Amino acid sequence: MRVICASPTATDAVWDTRLTGAVALVVGAEDEGLSPRALAIADACVLIPQETGKVDSLNVSVAAAVLLFEARRQRTS
């Protein structure tokens, strides 16, 4: 199983990362993000791009929904 973490410091957009097969999607709280340990075990970190200057963070449930939507889209396209 691949571990995919969402991080605002990642450089690869979520839709540019393969989310098919066995994956664990890991998200952190808006104010604290993921722990260094969680980031260390990640096979990849992805970014959910946001409009600069208008949005600075996403609620964890919204971030999870975006990741799950993209994983589903990749599996059905």
N, C-alpha and C. Protein backbone atom coordinates (compact mmCIF):
# COMPACT_ATOMS: atom_id res chain seq x y z
N MET A 1 0.85 -1.17 0.00
CA MET A 1 0.00 0.00 0.00
C MET A 1 0.90 1.24 0.00
N ARG A 2 0.57 2.15 -0.89
CA ARG A 2 1.30 3.42 -0.94
C ARG A 2 0.63 4.41 0.01
N VAL A 3 1.43 5.23 0.68
CA VAL A 3 0.94 6.26 1.58
C VAL A 3 1.09 7.61 0.89
N ILE A 4 -0.03 8.28 0.70
CA ILE A 4 -0.05 9.59 0.04
C ILE A 4 -0.51 10.63 1.05
N CYS A 5 0.35 11.59 1.33
CA CYS A 5 0.02 12.65 2.29
C CYS A 5 -0.32 13.94 1.54
N ALA A 6 -1.27 14.67 2.08
CA ALA A 6 -1.60 15.99 1.55
C ALA A 6 -0.83 17.02 2.36
N SER A 7 -0.13 17.90 1.66
CA SER A 7 0.68 18.91 2.35
C SER A 7 0.73 20.18 1.52
N PRO A 8 0.58 21.34 2.17
CA PRO A 8 0.67 22.60 1.42
C PRO A 8 2.08 22.89 0.92
N THR A 9 3.08 22.15 1.40
CA THR A 9 4.45 22.36 0.93
C THR A 9 4.84 21.40 -0.19
N ALA A 10 3.94 20.50 -0.57
CA ALA A 10 4.23 19.56 -1.66
C ALA A 10 4.33 20.32 -2.98
N THR A 11 4.98 19.71 -3.94
CA THR A 11 5.14 20.36 -5.25
C THR A 11 4.30 19.70 -6.34
N ASP A 12 3.85 18.47 -6.11
CA ASP A 12 3.05 17.76 -7.11
C ASP A 12 1.56 17.91 -6.81
N ALA A 13 0.80 18.37 -7.80
CA ALA A 13 -0.65 18.51 -7.63
C ALA A 13 -1.28 17.13 -7.50
N VAL A 14 -2.36 17.07 -6.77
CA VAL A 14 -3.03 15.80 -6.52
C VAL A 14 -3.39 15.09 -7.83
N TRP A 15 -3.82 15.81 -8.85
CA TRP A 15 -4.23 15.16 -10.10
C TRP A 15 -3.05 14.74 -10.96
N ASP A 16 -1.83 15.12 -10.57
CA ASP A 16 -0.63 14.67 -11.27
C ASP A 16 0.01 13.46 -10.58
N THR A 17 -0.64 12.95 -9.55
CA THR A 17 -0.12 11.82 -8.78
C THR A 17 -1.06 10.63 -8.94
N ARG A 18 -0.48 9.44 -9.16
CA ARG A 18 -1.28 8.24 -9.33
C ARG A 18 -1.92 7.84 -8.00
N LEU A 19 -3.24 7.79 -7.99
CA LEU A 19 -3.99 7.41 -6.79
C LEU A 19 -4.77 6.13 -7.01
N THR A 20 -4.32 5.31 -7.94
CA THR A 20 -4.98 4.03 -8.20
C THR A 20 -4.27 2.94 -7.40
N GLY A 21 -4.90 1.79 -7.32
CA GLY A 21 -4.34 0.70 -6.54
C GLY A 21 -4.56 0.94 -5.06
N ALA A 22 -3.80 0.21 -4.26
CA ALA A 22 -3.94 0.32 -2.81
C ALA A 22 -3.21 1.55 -2.30
N VAL A 23 -3.95 2.54 -1.84
CA VAL A 23 -3.36 3.76 -1.30
C VAL A 23 -4.03 4.11 0.02
N ALA A 24 -3.25 4.72 0.89
CA ALA A 24 -3.77 5.32 2.11
C ALA A 24 -3.60 6.82 1.96
N LEU A 25 -4.70 7.55 2.03
CA LEU A 25 -4.66 9.00 1.90
C LEU A 25 -4.61 9.59 3.31
N VAL A 26 -3.62 10.43 3.57
CA VAL A 26 -3.41 10.97 4.91
C VAL A 26 -3.55 12.48 4.87
N VAL A 27 -4.42 13.01 5.72
CA VAL A 27 -4.62 14.46 5.82
C VAL A 27 -4.46 14.87 7.28
N GLY A 28 -4.11 16.12 7.49
CA GLY A 28 -3.93 16.63 8.84
C GLY A 28 -4.85 17.79 9.10
N ALA A 29 -4.94 18.17 10.34
CA ALA A 29 -5.78 19.30 10.73
C ALA A 29 -5.27 20.59 10.09
N GLU A 30 -6.19 21.49 9.82
CA GLU A 30 -5.87 22.74 9.14
C GLU A 30 -4.79 23.54 9.89
N ASP A 31 -4.87 23.59 11.20
CA ASP A 31 -3.94 24.43 11.95
C ASP A 31 -2.58 23.77 12.21
N GLU A 32 -2.53 22.45 12.28
CA GLU A 32 -1.28 21.78 12.61
C GLU A 32 -0.66 21.00 11.46
N GLY A 33 -1.46 20.57 10.52
CA GLY A 33 -0.95 19.76 9.42
C GLY A 33 -0.54 18.38 9.90
N LEU A 34 0.31 17.74 9.14
CA LEU A 34 0.76 16.38 9.47
C LEU A 34 2.02 16.42 10.32
N SER A 35 2.17 15.40 11.12
CA SER A 35 3.37 15.30 11.96
C SER A 35 4.57 14.96 11.09
N PRO A 36 5.76 15.28 11.56
CA PRO A 36 6.97 14.89 10.82
C PRO A 36 7.03 13.37 10.59
N ARG A 37 6.54 12.59 11.54
CA ARG A 37 6.55 11.13 11.38
C ARG A 37 5.64 10.71 10.21
N ALA A 38 4.45 11.30 10.13
CA ALA A 38 3.54 10.97 9.03
C ALA A 38 4.17 11.33 7.69
N LEU A 39 4.79 12.49 7.61
CA LEU A 39 5.44 12.91 6.37
C LEU A 39 6.61 11.99 6.02
N ALA A 40 7.31 11.49 7.02
CA ALA A 40 8.47 10.63 6.78
C ALA A 40 8.09 9.29 6.19
N ILE A 41 6.90 8.78 6.52
CA ILE A 41 6.52 7.47 5.98
C ILE A 41 5.79 7.56 4.64
N ALA A 42 5.55 8.78 4.19
CA ALA A 42 4.81 8.97 2.94
C ALA A 42 5.63 8.52 1.74
N ASP A 43 4.94 7.84 0.82
CA ASP A 43 5.55 7.51 -0.47
C ASP A 43 5.51 8.72 -1.40
N ALA A 44 4.53 9.58 -1.16
CA ALA A 44 4.40 10.80 -1.95
C ALA A 44 3.60 11.82 -1.15
N CYS A 45 3.87 13.08 -1.40
CA CYS A 45 3.08 14.17 -0.83
C CYS A 45 2.45 14.94 -1.98
N VAL A 46 1.19 15.29 -1.81
CA VAL A 46 0.48 15.99 -2.88
C VAL A 46 -0.05 17.32 -2.37
N LEU A 47 -0.22 18.21 -3.31
CA LEU A 47 -0.73 19.54 -3.06
C LEU A 47 -2.12 19.67 -3.67
N ILE A 48 -3.02 20.28 -2.96
CA ILE A 48 -4.31 20.65 -3.53
C ILE A 48 -4.18 22.13 -3.88
N PRO A 49 -3.95 22.44 -5.16
CA PRO A 49 -3.72 23.83 -5.55
C PRO A 49 -4.91 24.73 -5.18
N GLN A 50 -4.57 25.93 -4.73
CA GLN A 50 -5.57 26.91 -4.35
C GLN A 50 -5.19 28.25 -4.95
N GLU A 51 -6.17 29.10 -5.14
CA GLU A 51 -5.90 30.40 -5.73
C GLU A 51 -5.11 31.26 -4.75
N THR A 52 -3.92 31.65 -5.16
CA THR A 52 -3.02 32.43 -4.32
C THR A 52 -3.67 33.77 -3.95
N GLY A 53 -3.59 34.09 -2.67
CA GLY A 53 -4.12 35.36 -2.20
C GLY A 53 -5.59 35.34 -1.84
N LYS A 54 -6.32 34.31 -2.25
CA LYS A 54 -7.75 34.24 -1.95
C LYS A 54 -8.08 33.14 -0.97
N VAL A 55 -7.32 32.04 -1.00
CA VAL A 55 -7.54 30.90 -0.11
C VAL A 55 -6.18 30.52 0.47
N ASP A 56 -6.12 30.33 1.78
CA ASP A 56 -4.83 29.97 2.36
C ASP A 56 -4.82 28.58 2.98
N SER A 57 -5.99 27.95 3.15
CA SER A 57 -6.01 26.59 3.69
C SER A 57 -7.38 25.97 3.43
N LEU A 58 -7.44 24.67 3.62
CA LEU A 58 -8.69 23.94 3.47
C LEU A 58 -9.01 23.22 4.77
N ASN A 59 -10.27 23.15 5.10
CA ASN A 59 -10.73 22.34 6.21
C ASN A 59 -10.36 20.89 5.90
N VAL A 60 -10.02 20.10 6.92
CA VAL A 60 -9.57 18.73 6.70
C VAL A 60 -10.62 17.89 5.97
N SER A 61 -11.89 18.11 6.26
CA SER A 61 -12.92 17.32 5.57
C SER A 61 -13.02 17.70 4.10
N VAL A 62 -12.80 18.96 3.78
CA VAL A 62 -12.81 19.39 2.39
C VAL A 62 -11.59 18.81 1.66
N ALA A 63 -10.44 18.86 2.29
CA ALA A 63 -9.23 18.29 1.68
C ALA A 63 -9.40 16.80 1.43
N ALA A 64 -9.96 16.09 2.39
CA ALA A 64 -10.19 14.65 2.22
C ALA A 64 -11.15 14.39 1.07
N ALA A 65 -12.19 15.21 0.97
CA ALA A 65 -13.16 15.04 -0.11
C ALA A 65 -12.51 15.24 -1.47
N VAL A 66 -11.65 16.24 -1.59
CA VAL A 66 -10.95 16.49 -2.86
C VAL A 66 -10.07 15.29 -3.22
N LEU A 67 -9.33 14.77 -2.25
CA LEU A 67 -8.46 13.62 -2.50
C LEU A 67 -9.27 12.39 -2.90
N LEU A 68 -10.35 12.13 -2.18
CA LEU A 68 -11.18 10.96 -2.49
C LEU A 68 -11.85 11.10 -3.86
N PHE A 69 -12.30 12.32 -4.19
CA PHE A 69 -12.90 12.55 -5.50
C PHE A 69 -11.88 12.26 -6.60
N GLU A 70 -10.67 12.75 -6.43
CA GLU A 70 -9.63 12.53 -7.46
C GLU A 70 -9.26 11.07 -7.57
N ALA A 71 -9.16 10.37 -6.45
CA ALA A 71 -8.86 8.94 -6.50
C ALA A 71 -9.97 8.20 -7.25
N ARG A 72 -11.20 8.53 -6.98
CA ARG A 72 -12.34 7.90 -7.67
C ARG A 72 -12.33 8.24 -9.15
N ARG A 73 -12.03 9.49 -9.48
CA ARG A 73 -12.00 9.90 -10.88
C ARG A 73 -10.96 9.10 -11.65
N GLN A 74 -9.77 8.93 -11.05
CA GLN A 74 -8.72 8.18 -11.72
C GLN A 74 -9.08 6.72 -11.91
N ARG A 75 -9.85 6.18 -11.01
CA ARG A 75 -10.21 4.76 -11.09
C ARG A 75 -11.36 4.49 -12.06
N THR A 76 -12.10 5.52 -12.45
CA THR A 76 -13.23 5.32 -13.34
C THR A 76 -13.03 5.95 -14.71
N SER A 77 -11.90 6.60 -14.94
CA SER A 77 -11.67 7.23 -16.26
C SER A 77 -11.05 6.25 -17.22
